Every structure is written in C-alpha cells, then in structure tokens.
Protein backbone atom coordinates (compact mmCIF):
# COMPACT_ATOMS: atom_id res chain seq x y z
CA MET A 1 132.51 115.96 168.42
CA ASP A 2 135.24 113.38 168.18
CA LYS A 3 136.05 113.62 164.44
CA ASP A 4 138.33 110.57 164.61
CA HIS A 5 135.48 108.22 165.53
CA ARG A 6 132.26 109.84 164.31
CA SER A 7 130.87 108.70 160.94
CA LEU A 8 127.74 109.30 158.90
CA LEU A 9 125.73 106.80 156.91
CA LEU A 10 123.46 108.43 154.26
CA VAL A 11 120.75 105.91 153.26
CA THR A 12 119.42 107.02 149.90
CA GLU A 13 119.53 106.21 146.18
CA PRO A 14 122.64 107.26 144.28
CA SER A 15 122.26 110.19 141.95
CA PRO A 16 124.27 113.27 140.93
CA GLN A 17 122.30 115.24 143.59
CA SER A 18 122.93 112.79 146.34
CA GLN A 19 126.63 112.60 145.48
CA LEU A 20 126.92 116.37 145.70
CA PHE A 21 125.19 116.13 149.10
CA VAL A 22 127.72 113.49 150.23
CA ASP A 23 130.67 115.63 149.00
CA TYR A 24 129.32 118.63 150.80
CA LEU A 25 128.91 116.84 154.08
CA ARG A 26 132.45 115.39 153.86
CA GLN A 27 133.86 118.85 153.31
CA GLN A 28 131.87 120.46 156.13
CA LEU A 29 131.98 117.66 158.71
CA ASP A 30 135.53 116.38 158.16
CA CYS A 31 134.42 112.85 158.93
CA PRO A 32 133.68 109.64 156.97
CA VAL A 33 130.43 109.83 155.03
CA ALA A 34 129.10 106.70 153.28
CA LEU A 35 126.19 106.45 150.91
CA VAL A 36 124.14 103.21 151.49
CA LEU A 37 121.31 101.88 149.31
CA PRO A 38 117.90 101.66 151.17
CA ARG A 39 117.52 98.05 149.85
CA SER A 40 120.92 97.00 151.18
CA ARG A 41 119.44 95.52 154.43
CA PRO A 42 119.97 93.23 156.11
CA VAL A 43 123.15 95.14 156.85
CA THR A 44 125.98 94.59 159.33
CA PRO A 45 125.75 96.73 162.47
CA ALA A 46 126.53 100.38 161.84
CA PRO A 47 129.94 101.54 163.09
CA SER A 48 130.08 102.62 166.67
CA SER A 49 129.48 106.36 167.22
CA SER A 50 127.71 106.87 163.95
CA LEU A 51 124.67 108.76 162.71
CA ILE A 52 122.33 107.14 160.26
CA LEU A 53 120.45 109.64 157.98
CA LEU A 54 117.41 108.07 156.30
CA ASP A 55 116.01 109.68 153.06
CA VAL A 56 112.21 109.41 153.19
CA ASP A 57 112.02 110.36 149.55
CA HIS A 58 113.46 106.99 148.66
CA MET A 59 112.08 104.71 151.47
CA ASP A 60 108.55 103.59 152.16
CA ASP A 61 107.29 103.14 155.71
CA ALA A 62 108.17 99.48 155.77
CA SER A 63 111.79 100.17 154.72
CA LEU A 64 112.13 103.04 157.25
CA GLN A 65 110.89 100.84 160.03
CA ALA A 66 113.19 98.01 158.98
CA TRP A 67 116.27 100.25 159.04
CA TYR A 68 115.23 101.77 162.32
CA THR A 69 114.64 98.39 163.93
CA ASP A 70 117.92 97.02 162.71
CA HIS A 71 119.88 99.75 164.57
CA ALA A 72 117.56 100.84 167.38
CA GLY A 73 119.35 100.53 170.73
CA GLN A 74 122.71 99.99 169.17
CA PRO A 75 125.22 101.71 171.45
CA GLY A 76 126.62 104.94 169.98
CA VAL A 77 124.31 104.93 166.99
CA SER A 78 121.66 107.61 166.47
CA GLN A 79 119.11 107.89 163.68
CA ALA A 80 117.52 110.79 161.81
CA VAL A 81 115.40 111.38 158.69
CA PHE A 82 115.52 114.03 155.99
CA ASN A 83 113.40 115.24 153.03
CA LEU A 84 110.29 115.24 155.20
CA ARG A 85 107.39 117.11 153.64
CA ASP A 86 106.20 118.82 156.80
CA GLU A 87 105.80 118.68 160.59
CA ASP A 88 102.75 116.36 160.36
CA ARG A 89 104.80 113.70 158.60
CA ALA A 90 107.56 114.19 161.22
CA ALA A 91 105.10 113.68 164.06
CA GLU A 92 103.74 110.60 162.44
CA LEU A 93 107.20 109.04 162.28
CA LEU A 94 108.11 110.01 165.79
CA THR A 95 105.22 108.13 167.24
CA THR A 96 106.70 104.87 165.99
CA MET A 97 110.40 105.62 165.78
CA HIS A 98 112.71 107.00 168.38
CA LEU A 99 114.49 109.41 166.06
CA GLN A 100 117.02 111.97 167.26
CA GLY A 101 116.50 114.37 164.43
CA VAL A 102 114.36 115.47 161.49
CA PHE A 103 115.10 117.57 158.40
CA TYR A 104 112.62 118.97 155.91
CA ARG A 105 112.68 119.27 152.11
CA GLN A 106 112.93 123.07 152.40
CA ASP A 107 115.96 122.99 154.72
CA ASP A 108 119.14 124.31 153.01
CA LEU A 109 122.38 122.61 153.09
CA SER A 110 123.91 124.84 155.70
CA LEU A 111 121.01 124.18 158.11
CA ILE A 112 121.24 120.43 157.54
CA CYS A 113 124.95 120.53 158.16
CA LYS A 114 124.46 122.46 161.44
CA GLY A 115 121.80 119.87 162.51
CA VAL A 116 124.01 116.92 161.64
CA LYS A 117 126.82 118.46 163.74
CA THR A 118 124.41 118.86 166.63
CA LEU A 119 123.21 115.25 166.35
CA MET A 120 126.78 113.93 166.21
CA GLU A 121 127.55 115.78 169.40
CA GLY A 122 124.77 113.82 171.02
CA HIS A 123 121.94 116.40 171.03
CA PRO A 124 118.54 116.16 169.37
CA TRP A 125 117.62 118.29 166.27
CA MET A 126 113.91 119.21 165.90
CA SER A 127 111.73 122.23 166.31
CA ARG A 128 110.17 123.27 169.63
CA SER A 129 106.70 122.84 168.20
CA LEU A 130 107.45 119.28 167.09
CA MET A 131 109.00 118.41 170.39
CA ALA A 132 105.88 119.83 172.12
CA ARG A 133 103.66 117.58 169.95
CA LEU A 134 105.77 114.54 170.71
CA LEU A 135 105.62 115.25 174.52
CA GLU A 136 101.85 115.58 174.34
CA PHE A 137 101.63 112.29 172.57
CA LEU A 138 103.71 110.58 175.19
CA ARG A 139 101.53 112.09 177.93
CA GLN A 140 98.46 110.73 176.15
CA GLN A 141 100.04 107.37 175.82
CA GLN A 142 100.91 107.35 179.60
CA ARG A 143 97.37 108.19 180.40
CA ASN A 144 96.01 105.48 178.16
CA VAL A 145 98.19 102.86 179.92
CA TYR A 146 95.85 103.07 182.93
CA ARG A 147 92.64 102.89 180.80
CA PRO A 148 90.87 99.51 180.82
CA THR A 149 91.26 97.51 177.62
CA TYR A 150 87.70 96.15 177.60
CA GLY A 151 88.97 92.86 176.32
CA LEU A 152 90.46 94.32 173.16
CA THR A 153 93.87 93.10 171.94
CA GLN A 154 96.67 95.55 171.19
CA ARG A 155 96.02 95.08 167.51
CA GLU A 156 92.31 95.74 167.83
CA ARG A 157 93.15 98.90 169.76
CA GLU A 158 95.49 100.02 166.95
CA ILE A 159 92.86 99.42 164.30
CA ILE A 160 90.10 101.14 166.17
CA GLY A 161 92.48 104.14 166.61
CA LEU A 162 93.14 104.19 162.89
CA LEU A 163 89.42 103.98 162.37
CA GLY A 164 89.03 107.15 164.34
CA SER A 165 91.25 109.03 161.86
CA GLY A 166 88.80 108.27 159.01
CA ALA A 167 91.13 105.61 157.47
CA SER A 168 89.58 103.05 155.19
CA ASN A 169 90.20 99.30 155.50
CA HIS A 170 92.73 99.51 152.75
CA GLU A 171 94.65 102.36 154.45
CA ILE A 172 94.53 100.49 157.75
CA ALA A 173 95.92 97.36 156.06
CA GLU A 174 98.76 99.34 154.46
CA ARG A 175 99.61 101.14 157.67
CA LEU A 176 99.84 97.93 159.73
CA ALA A 177 101.23 95.77 156.92
CA ILE A 178 98.38 93.25 157.12
CA SER A 179 95.69 92.18 154.65
CA GLU A 180 92.29 93.82 154.33
CA HIS A 181 90.70 90.52 155.17
CA THR A 182 92.62 90.59 158.56
CA VAL A 183 91.43 94.16 159.10
CA LYS A 184 87.80 93.13 158.54
CA SER A 185 88.18 90.12 160.88
CA HIS A 186 89.60 92.41 163.61
CA LEU A 187 86.81 94.91 163.13
CA TYR A 188 84.20 92.20 163.34
CA ASN A 189 85.68 90.93 166.63
CA THR A 190 86.06 94.41 167.93
CA PHE A 191 82.44 95.42 167.13
CA LYS A 192 81.26 92.26 168.84
CA LYS A 193 83.27 92.93 172.00
CA ILE A 194 82.15 96.51 172.47
CA GLY A 195 78.56 95.98 171.30
CA VAL A 196 78.42 98.30 168.27
CA ASN A 197 77.20 97.80 164.75
CA THR A 198 78.78 100.64 162.64
CA ARG A 199 82.08 102.32 162.15
CA GLY A 200 80.77 105.55 163.48
CA GLN A 201 79.56 103.88 166.69
CA ALA A 202 82.94 102.19 167.09
CA VAL A 203 84.75 105.52 166.80
CA ARG A 204 82.51 107.24 169.29
CA TRP A 205 82.97 104.31 171.63
CA ALA A 206 86.77 104.42 171.27
CA CYS A 207 86.79 108.25 171.89
CA GLN A 208 84.80 107.73 175.09
CA HIS A 209 86.54 104.71 176.49
CA LEU A 210 90.10 104.63 175.03
CA GLY A 211 90.91 108.33 174.61
CA THR A 212 92.08 110.35 171.62
CA PRO A 213 93.69 108.37 168.84
CA PRO A 214 97.48 108.65 168.51
CA LEU A 215 99.15 111.84 167.29
CA TYR A 216 99.98 110.43 163.88
CA LEU A 217 96.22 109.95 163.24
CA GLU A 218 95.37 113.68 163.63
CA ARG A 219 95.31 114.31 159.91
CA GLN A 220 95.68 112.49 156.61
CA ALA A 221 98.01 114.76 154.59
CA GLU A 222 97.00 113.72 151.08
CA THR A 223 93.24 113.23 151.38
CA GLY A 224 92.03 116.28 153.25
CA PRO A 225 90.67 116.63 156.76
CA PRO A 226 89.95 113.35 158.58
CA GLN A 227 86.50 112.33 159.44
CA ARG A 228 86.87 112.40 163.21
CA THR A 229 84.04 112.43 165.65
CA CYS A 230 86.10 112.99 168.84
CA SER A 231 86.10 116.53 170.15
C-alpha cells in the first residue's frame, strides 16, 4: 500500500465513538482519515486512490445508493460498508452495489483494520460464503438475460420479483423509491400482460417464466420467512 497516496473517507455521523474509530484507524493505517457526514452530498470527487467506508447504521438505502452512484467507476476509488447486521443484508446490498468489502457489527477493530488494509491494497474483503452467494446471483442474472421478457418492462420485472419475496405494495414502493399508486399501476399492467388475476398467480407465473427472484429477495430480515411459492 502506498501510504503517501492512499486515504480513507469514513462516511458516518460524528460521535465520541466514531471519533475514537477515526483516531484508531489513523494510528493503525498511517494514512489520512477523514470523517464525512452522510448528508454532505453532493460532494466533490473523492481523492484519487481512496477508500470510502459507508456506515449503514447512519444511512438509509437511498443515501447509500446516492453515495455509491456518485463515486462508482471513479478511477482509484473503492467502496465498502460497515456495521452490517448479517450476511443477508450484505448480500442484499451487493446485488445493487459493486462494493469491494463488507464489515459486520460484531467485527472487532483489529479485524476491521486488517480488512481496510487489504482493501487499500486493491483486494476484496468479504467471506467465502458471501462471495459464493454473489457469484450464484450473477450466474442467475446471466441466465435470465436469455429469458424472454413477455412484453414486460424492466420495472415490471423488478416489481414482480419483489412480489415473489412476499413484499407488500408499500414495501415494494419503498424499495424502488416510487409511490404505492405507481406500484399498483405497474401490477395492473403486469397482470394484464401475463393473463393472471391474483398476486399468487403472478408469483407462480414469474417463477415459471422469469426464474428465481434476485438474491436480495430470499428473505425479509425483520418480518420472518417470506411467502414464496417458488421451489
């Protein structure tokens, strides 16, 4: 790692705990570490050869996506998240964000520091089981590229996939950052195109014709097992 050029941006809310974290990283990494507020975007481009570490405890999905989008593809910049509750949440984020690393709430400081060093050397940091889940999701995506769309738009395919996880209209609207009215309109058009009348029929049709819903729909962490009909 080129310590003269590498830097770390810690995106989190200021607190005594986060300041201790910053101080610890500065001591262990011997490189510039800056604390940036999640609400600070739009921001100027991150310094070249830097790692952005996003705190999911202080950022909702929209904020995470905004930060990720702002810096995705920027040369020399990699992004990772920390304070994840579990591997399911990590898998969910990795289906929509090309992150280089993930850290969990239970990870101790020494492990996080080791992971950050690995990331700053240009290598990914995640468990083998998580990597395997991500690869399986990518394989499924590749297989689905060659499936017929049956006249469905990309948004309609996303919504019917979320439907397959047991998500309500409200949850679908929140996930896709659209109104419930828009969700209902898409569902009406989708049902008409595929010739079904109920949500259950739509889910069964999607499982048969479009394949398994995306990896991040496998389980809803807070509400118990999803109501899936695909086997």
